[in-house]
């Protein structure tokens, strides 16, 4: 298994993720998949410099789709991080083996936005994101909203039930 952690996090790489998650599961490198970050040299340089001791790559969805077979075949353990559920849907549409390699999605911070529905502290989804989470669930992913490894997880099934009320 070359992908040891699969995360949706609108901040991509940050101190909380580095300090908490990297210590809790194997990590030889970070693969950030985000079109905006990949196209913005300043943002890309910042992401590449956050954890100098951990090899980091920043790819667009198209670049990541090309490189994903090599990443998944590697003996190294990589964290795959995307900014949104829709980005992960797009990536998975280009490589349906991702759900077989790592079927559990951790959802980290999703910043406050207008019309966001609160899930947990620091986590809320907007109505436009619901179909992407539903699609990921239908593809076979288990989705859990959890900011830190030592905090309780909230499952997508619980969130969907709350949204249905």
C-alpha atoms as a PDB file:
ATOM      1  CA  UNK A   1       0.000   0.000   0.000  1.00  0.00           C
ATOM      2  CA  UNK A   2       1.762   3.142  -1.175  1.00  0.00           C
ATOM      3  CA  UNK A   3      -0.899   5.549   0.022  1.00  0.00           C
ATOM      4  CA  UNK A   4      -0.989   5.367   3.786  1.00  0.00           C
ATOM      5  CA  UNK A   5      -3.333   8.331   4.345  1.00  0.00           C
ATOM      6  CA  UNK A   6      -5.953   9.998   2.161  1.00  0.00           C
ATOM      7  CA  UNK A   7      -7.181  13.404   3.275  1.00  0.00           C
ATOM      8  CA  UNK A   8      -9.469  16.202   2.206  1.00  0.00           C
ATOM      9  CA  UNK A   9      -8.237  19.431   3.790  1.00  0.00           C
ATOM     10  CA  UNK A  10      -8.908  22.905   2.458  1.00  0.00           C
ATOM     11  CA  UNK A  11      -5.624  24.110   3.973  1.00  0.00           C
ATOM     12  CA  UNK A  12      -3.707  21.245   2.327  1.00  0.00           C
ATOM     13  CA  UNK A  13      -0.540  21.226   4.498  1.00  0.00           C
ATOM     14  CA  UNK A  14      -0.400  22.963   7.886  1.00  0.00           C
ATOM     15  CA  UNK A  15       1.011  22.553  11.366  1.00  0.00           C
ATOM     16  CA  UNK A  16      -1.908  20.589  12.809  1.00  0.00           C
ATOM     17  CA  UNK A  17      -1.687  18.018  10.057  1.00  0.00           C
ATOM     18  CA  UNK A  18       2.082  17.794  10.305  1.00  0.00           C
ATOM     19  CA  UNK A  19       2.297  17.566  14.078  1.00  0.00           C
ATOM     20  CA  UNK A  20      -0.591  15.181  14.622  1.00  0.00           C
ATOM     21  CA  UNK A  21      -1.188  12.998  11.610  1.00  0.00           C
ATOM     22  CA  UNK A  22       2.353  12.426  10.361  1.00  0.00           C
ATOM     23  CA  UNK A  23       3.292  11.030  13.744  1.00  0.00           C
ATOM     24  CA  UNK A  24       0.302   8.675  13.778  1.00  0.00           C
ATOM     25  CA  UNK A  25       0.772   6.766  10.525  1.00  0.00           C
ATOM     26  CA  UNK A  26       3.650   6.036   8.127  1.00  0.00           C
ATOM     27  CA  UNK A  27       4.682   8.933   5.889  1.00  0.00           C
ATOM     28  CA  UNK A  28       7.592   8.985   3.456  1.00  0.00           C
ATOM     29  CA  UNK A  29       6.184  11.893   1.483  1.00  0.00           C
ATOM     30  CA  UNK A  30       3.232  14.162   0.805  1.00  0.00           C
ATOM     31  CA  UNK A  31       1.417  14.275  -2.513  1.00  0.00           C
ATOM     32  CA  UNK A  32      -0.716  17.408  -2.708  1.00  0.00           C
ATOM     33  CA  UNK A  33      -3.271  17.435  -5.510  1.00  0.00           C
ATOM     34  CA  UNK A  34      -4.741  20.843  -6.206  1.00  0.00           C
ATOM     35  CA  UNK A  35      -5.094  22.662  -9.516  1.00  0.00           C
ATOM     36  CA  UNK A  36      -4.842  26.150  -7.975  1.00  0.00           C
ATOM     37  CA  UNK A  37      -1.725  25.366  -5.940  1.00  0.00           C
ATOM     38  CA  UNK A  38      -0.053  23.609  -8.858  1.00  0.00           C
ATOM     39  CA  UNK A  39      -0.670  26.642 -11.096  1.00  0.00           C
ATOM     40  CA  UNK A  40       0.474  29.247  -8.554  1.00  0.00           C
ATOM     41  CA  UNK A  41       4.263  29.237  -8.129  1.00  0.00           C
ATOM     42  CA  UNK A  42       4.173  31.193  -4.856  1.00  0.00           C
ATOM     43  CA  UNK A  43       1.604  28.901  -3.245  1.00  0.00           C
ATOM     44  CA  UNK A  44       3.458  25.881  -4.575  1.00  0.00           C
ATOM     45  CA  UNK A  45       6.765  27.081  -3.075  1.00  0.00           C
ATOM     46  CA  UNK A  46       5.083  27.723   0.276  1.00  0.00           C
ATOM     47  CA  UNK A  47       3.583  24.212   0.343  1.00  0.00           C
ATOM     48  CA  UNK A  48       6.918  22.674  -0.602  1.00  0.00           C
ATOM     49  CA  UNK A  49       8.675  24.537   2.224  1.00  0.00           C
ATOM     50  CA  UNK A  50       6.273  23.809   5.109  1.00  0.00           C
ATOM     51  CA  UNK A  51       7.818  20.445   6.014  1.00  0.00           C
ATOM     52  CA  UNK A  52      11.393  20.487   4.749  1.00  0.00           C
ATOM     53  CA  UNK A  53      12.110  17.077   6.288  1.00  0.00           C
ATOM     54  CA  UNK A  54       9.290  15.396   4.327  1.00  0.00           C
ATOM     55  CA  UNK A  55       9.490  15.063   0.555  1.00  0.00           C
ATOM     56  CA  UNK A  56       6.513  16.911  -0.937  1.00  0.00           C
ATOM     57  CA  UNK A  57       5.050  17.162  -4.426  1.00  0.00           C
ATOM     58  CA  UNK A  58       2.313  19.495  -5.648  1.00  0.00           C
ATOM     59  CA  UNK A  59       0.405  18.310  -8.704  1.00  0.00           C
ATOM     60  CA  UNK A  60      -2.649  19.386 -10.644  1.00  0.00           C
ATOM     61  CA  UNK A  61      -5.390  16.773 -10.899  1.00  0.00           C
ATOM     62  CA  UNK A  62      -4.246  15.932 -14.438  1.00  0.00           C
ATOM     63  CA  UNK A  63      -0.600  15.547 -13.360  1.00  0.00           C
ATOM     64  CA  UNK A  64      -1.593  13.450 -10.354  1.00  0.00           C
ATOM     65  CA  UNK A  65      -3.750  11.185 -12.508  1.00  0.00           C
ATOM     66  CA  UNK A  66      -0.708  10.477 -14.693  1.00  0.00           C
ATOM     67  CA  UNK A  67       1.572   9.841 -11.712  1.00  0.00           C
ATOM     68  CA  UNK A  68      -0.890   7.934  -9.517  1.00  0.00           C
ATOM     69  CA  UNK A  69      -0.057   4.441 -10.882  1.00  0.00           C
ATOM     70  CA  UNK A  70       3.617   4.961 -10.031  1.00  0.00           C
ATOM     71  CA  UNK A  71       2.736   6.378  -6.599  1.00  0.00           C
ATOM     72  CA  UNK A  72       0.425   3.444  -5.832  1.00  0.00           C
ATOM     73  CA  UNK A  73       3.061   0.915  -6.954  1.00  0.00           C
ATOM     74  CA  UNK A  74       5.770   2.435  -4.782  1.00  0.00           C
ATOM     75  CA  UNK A  75       7.133   0.772  -1.675  1.00  0.00           C
ATOM     76  CA  UNK A  76       7.081   4.161   0.054  1.00  0.00           C
ATOM     77  CA  UNK A  77       4.137   5.395   2.149  1.00  0.00           C
ATOM     78  CA  UNK A  78       2.569   8.600   0.866  1.00  0.00           C
ATOM     79  CA  UNK A  79      -0.097  10.907   2.176  1.00  0.00           C
ATOM     80  CA  UNK A  80      -2.422  12.025  -0.613  1.00  0.00           C
ATOM     81  CA  UNK A  81      -4.066  15.355   0.176  1.00  0.00           C
ATOM     82  CA  UNK A  82      -6.715  17.187  -1.848  1.00  0.00           C
ATOM     83  CA  UNK A  83      -8.482  20.454  -1.112  1.00  0.00           C
ATOM     84  CA  UNK A  84     -12.041  19.268  -1.778  1.00  0.00           C
ATOM     85  CA  UNK A  85     -14.291  16.258  -2.183  1.00  0.00           C
ATOM     86  CA  UNK A  86     -14.937  17.230  -5.800  1.00  0.00           C
ATOM     87  CA  UNK A  87     -11.184  17.172  -6.515  1.00  0.00           C
ATOM     88  CA  UNK A  88     -11.013  13.641  -5.118  1.00  0.00           C
ATOM     89  CA  UNK A  89     -14.016  12.618  -7.236  1.00  0.00           C
ATOM     90  CA  UNK A  90     -12.206  13.970 -10.310  1.00  0.00           C
ATOM     91  CA  UNK A  91      -8.987  12.158  -9.425  1.00  0.00           C
ATOM     92  CA  UNK A  92     -10.817   8.902  -8.702  1.00  0.00           C
ATOM     93  CA  UNK A  93     -12.640   9.173 -12.049  1.00  0.00           C
ATOM     94  CA  UNK A  94      -9.206   9.037 -13.694  1.00  0.00           C
ATOM     95  CA  UNK A  95      -8.008   6.119 -11.568  1.00  0.00           C
ATOM     96  CA  UNK A  96     -10.640   3.899  -9.999  1.00  0.00           C
ATOM     97  CA  UNK A  97      -7.967   1.824  -8.233  1.00  0.00           C
ATOM     98  CA  UNK A  98      -7.538   4.529  -5.587  1.00  0.00           C
ATOM     99  CA  UNK A  99     -10.498   3.252  -3.573  1.00  0.00           C
ATOM    100  CA  UNK A 100      -8.956  -0.243  -3.585  1.00  0.00           C
ATOM    101  CA  UNK A 101      -5.551   1.049  -2.481  1.00  0.00           C
ATOM    102  CA  UNK A 102      -6.869   3.278   0.302  1.00  0.00           C
ATOM    103  CA  UNK A 103     -10.642   3.165   0.900  1.00  0.00           C
ATOM    104  CA  UNK A 104     -10.689   5.444   3.969  1.00  0.00           C
ATOM    105  CA  UNK A 105     -10.895   9.207   3.564  1.00  0.00           C
ATOM    106  CA  UNK A 106     -10.071  11.514   6.438  1.00  0.00           C
ATOM    107  CA  UNK A 107     -11.745  14.907   6.162  1.00  0.00           C
ATOM    108  CA  UNK A 108      -9.824  17.620   7.969  1.00  0.00           C
ATOM    109  CA  UNK A 109     -10.463  21.330   8.222  1.00  0.00           C
ATOM    110  CA  UNK A 110     -13.076  22.774   5.927  1.00  0.00           C
ATOM    111  CA  UNK A 111     -13.044  26.482   6.670  1.00  0.00           C
ATOM    112  CA  UNK A 112     -16.058  28.536   7.548  1.00  0.00           C
ATOM    113  CA  UNK A 113     -17.967  29.534   4.464  1.00  0.00           C
ATOM    114  CA  UNK A 114     -21.296  31.133   3.856  1.00  0.00           C
ATOM    115  CA  UNK A 115     -24.125  28.561   3.976  1.00  0.00           C
ATOM    116  CA  UNK A 116     -21.845  25.918   5.536  1.00  0.00           C
ATOM    117  CA  UNK A 117     -23.525  23.203   7.561  1.00  0.00           C
ATOM    118  CA  UNK A 118     -21.524  22.491  10.737  1.00  0.00           C
ATOM    119  CA  UNK A 119     -20.202  18.944  11.073  1.00  0.00           C
ATOM    120  CA  UNK A 120     -17.586  19.346  13.814  1.00  0.00           C
ATOM    121  CA  UNK A 121     -15.588  22.222  15.205  1.00  0.00           C
ATOM    122  CA  UNK A 122     -13.673  23.645  12.225  1.00  0.00           C
ATOM    123  CA  UNK A 123     -15.582  21.502   9.773  1.00  0.00           C
ATOM    124  CA  UNK A 124     -18.586  22.371   7.707  1.00  0.00           C
ATOM    125  CA  UNK A 125     -19.774  21.523   4.242  1.00  0.00           C
ATOM    126  CA  UNK A 126     -21.710  23.638   1.818  1.00  0.00           C
ATOM    127  CA  UNK A 127     -24.713  22.203  -0.023  1.00  0.00           C
ATOM    128  CA  UNK A 128     -22.779  22.141  -3.313  1.00  0.00           C
ATOM    129  CA  UNK A 129     -20.301  19.644  -1.773  1.00  0.00           C
ATOM    130  CA  UNK A 130     -22.900  17.059  -0.776  1.00  0.00           C
ATOM    131  CA  UNK A 131     -23.066  15.337  -4.202  1.00  0.00           C
ATOM    132  CA  UNK A 132     -19.270  14.892  -4.222  1.00  0.00           C
ATOM    133  CA  UNK A 133     -19.303  13.245  -0.787  1.00  0.00           C
ATOM    134  CA  UNK A 134     -22.232  11.071  -1.883  1.00  0.00           C
ATOM    135  CA  UNK A 135     -20.278  10.061  -5.003  1.00  0.00           C
ATOM    136  CA  UNK A 136     -17.207   9.128  -2.942  1.00  0.00           C
ATOM    137  CA  UNK A 137     -19.404   7.006  -0.670  1.00  0.00           C
ATOM    138  CA  UNK A 138     -20.995   5.327  -3.721  1.00  0.00           C
ATOM    139  CA  UNK A 139     -17.525   4.549  -5.076  1.00  0.00           C
ATOM    140  CA  UNK A 140     -16.820   2.556  -1.912  1.00  0.00           C
ATOM    141  CA  UNK A 141     -14.891   5.023   0.233  1.00  0.00           C
ATOM    142  CA  UNK A 142     -15.416   5.210   3.988  1.00  0.00           C
ATOM    143  CA  UNK A 143     -15.483   8.891   4.916  1.00  0.00           C
ATOM    144  CA  UNK A 144     -14.727  10.207   8.386  1.00  0.00           C
ATOM    145  CA  UNK A 145     -14.612  13.801   9.554  1.00  0.00           C
ATOM    146  CA  UNK A 146     -11.812  14.075  12.101  1.00  0.00           C
ATOM    147  CA  UNK A 147      -9.413  16.928  12.717  1.00  0.00           C
ATOM    148  CA  UNK A 148      -6.913  15.065  14.901  1.00  0.00           C
ATOM    149  CA  UNK A 149      -6.093  11.363  15.348  1.00  0.00           C
ATOM    150  CA  UNK A 150      -7.060  11.411  19.026  1.00  0.00           C
ATOM    151  CA  UNK A 151     -10.503  12.970  18.516  1.00  0.00           C
ATOM    152  CA  UNK A 152     -13.734  11.096  17.732  1.00  0.00           C
ATOM    153  CA  UNK A 153     -14.609  10.662  14.074  1.00  0.00           C
ATOM    154  CA  UNK A 154     -17.956  11.563  12.571  1.00  0.00           C
ATOM    155  CA  UNK A 155     -18.900   9.280   9.695  1.00  0.00           C
ATOM    156  CA  UNK A 156     -20.349  10.459   6.408  1.00  0.00           C
ATOM    157  CA  UNK A 157     -23.370   8.260   7.156  1.00  0.00           C
ATOM    158  CA  UNK A 158     -24.001  10.302  10.336  1.00  0.00           C
ATOM    159  CA  UNK A 159     -23.524  13.542   8.435  1.00  0.00           C
ATOM    160  CA  UNK A 160     -25.853  12.436   5.623  1.00  0.00           C
ATOM    161  CA  UNK A 161     -28.511  11.468   8.175  1.00  0.00           C
ATOM    162  CA  UNK A 162     -28.200  14.881   9.804  1.00  0.00           C
ATOM    163  CA  UNK A 163     -28.505  16.591   6.433  1.00  0.00           C
ATOM    164  CA  UNK A 164     -31.620  14.594   5.566  1.00  0.00           C
ATOM    165  CA  UNK A 165     -33.557  15.993   8.536  1.00  0.00           C
END
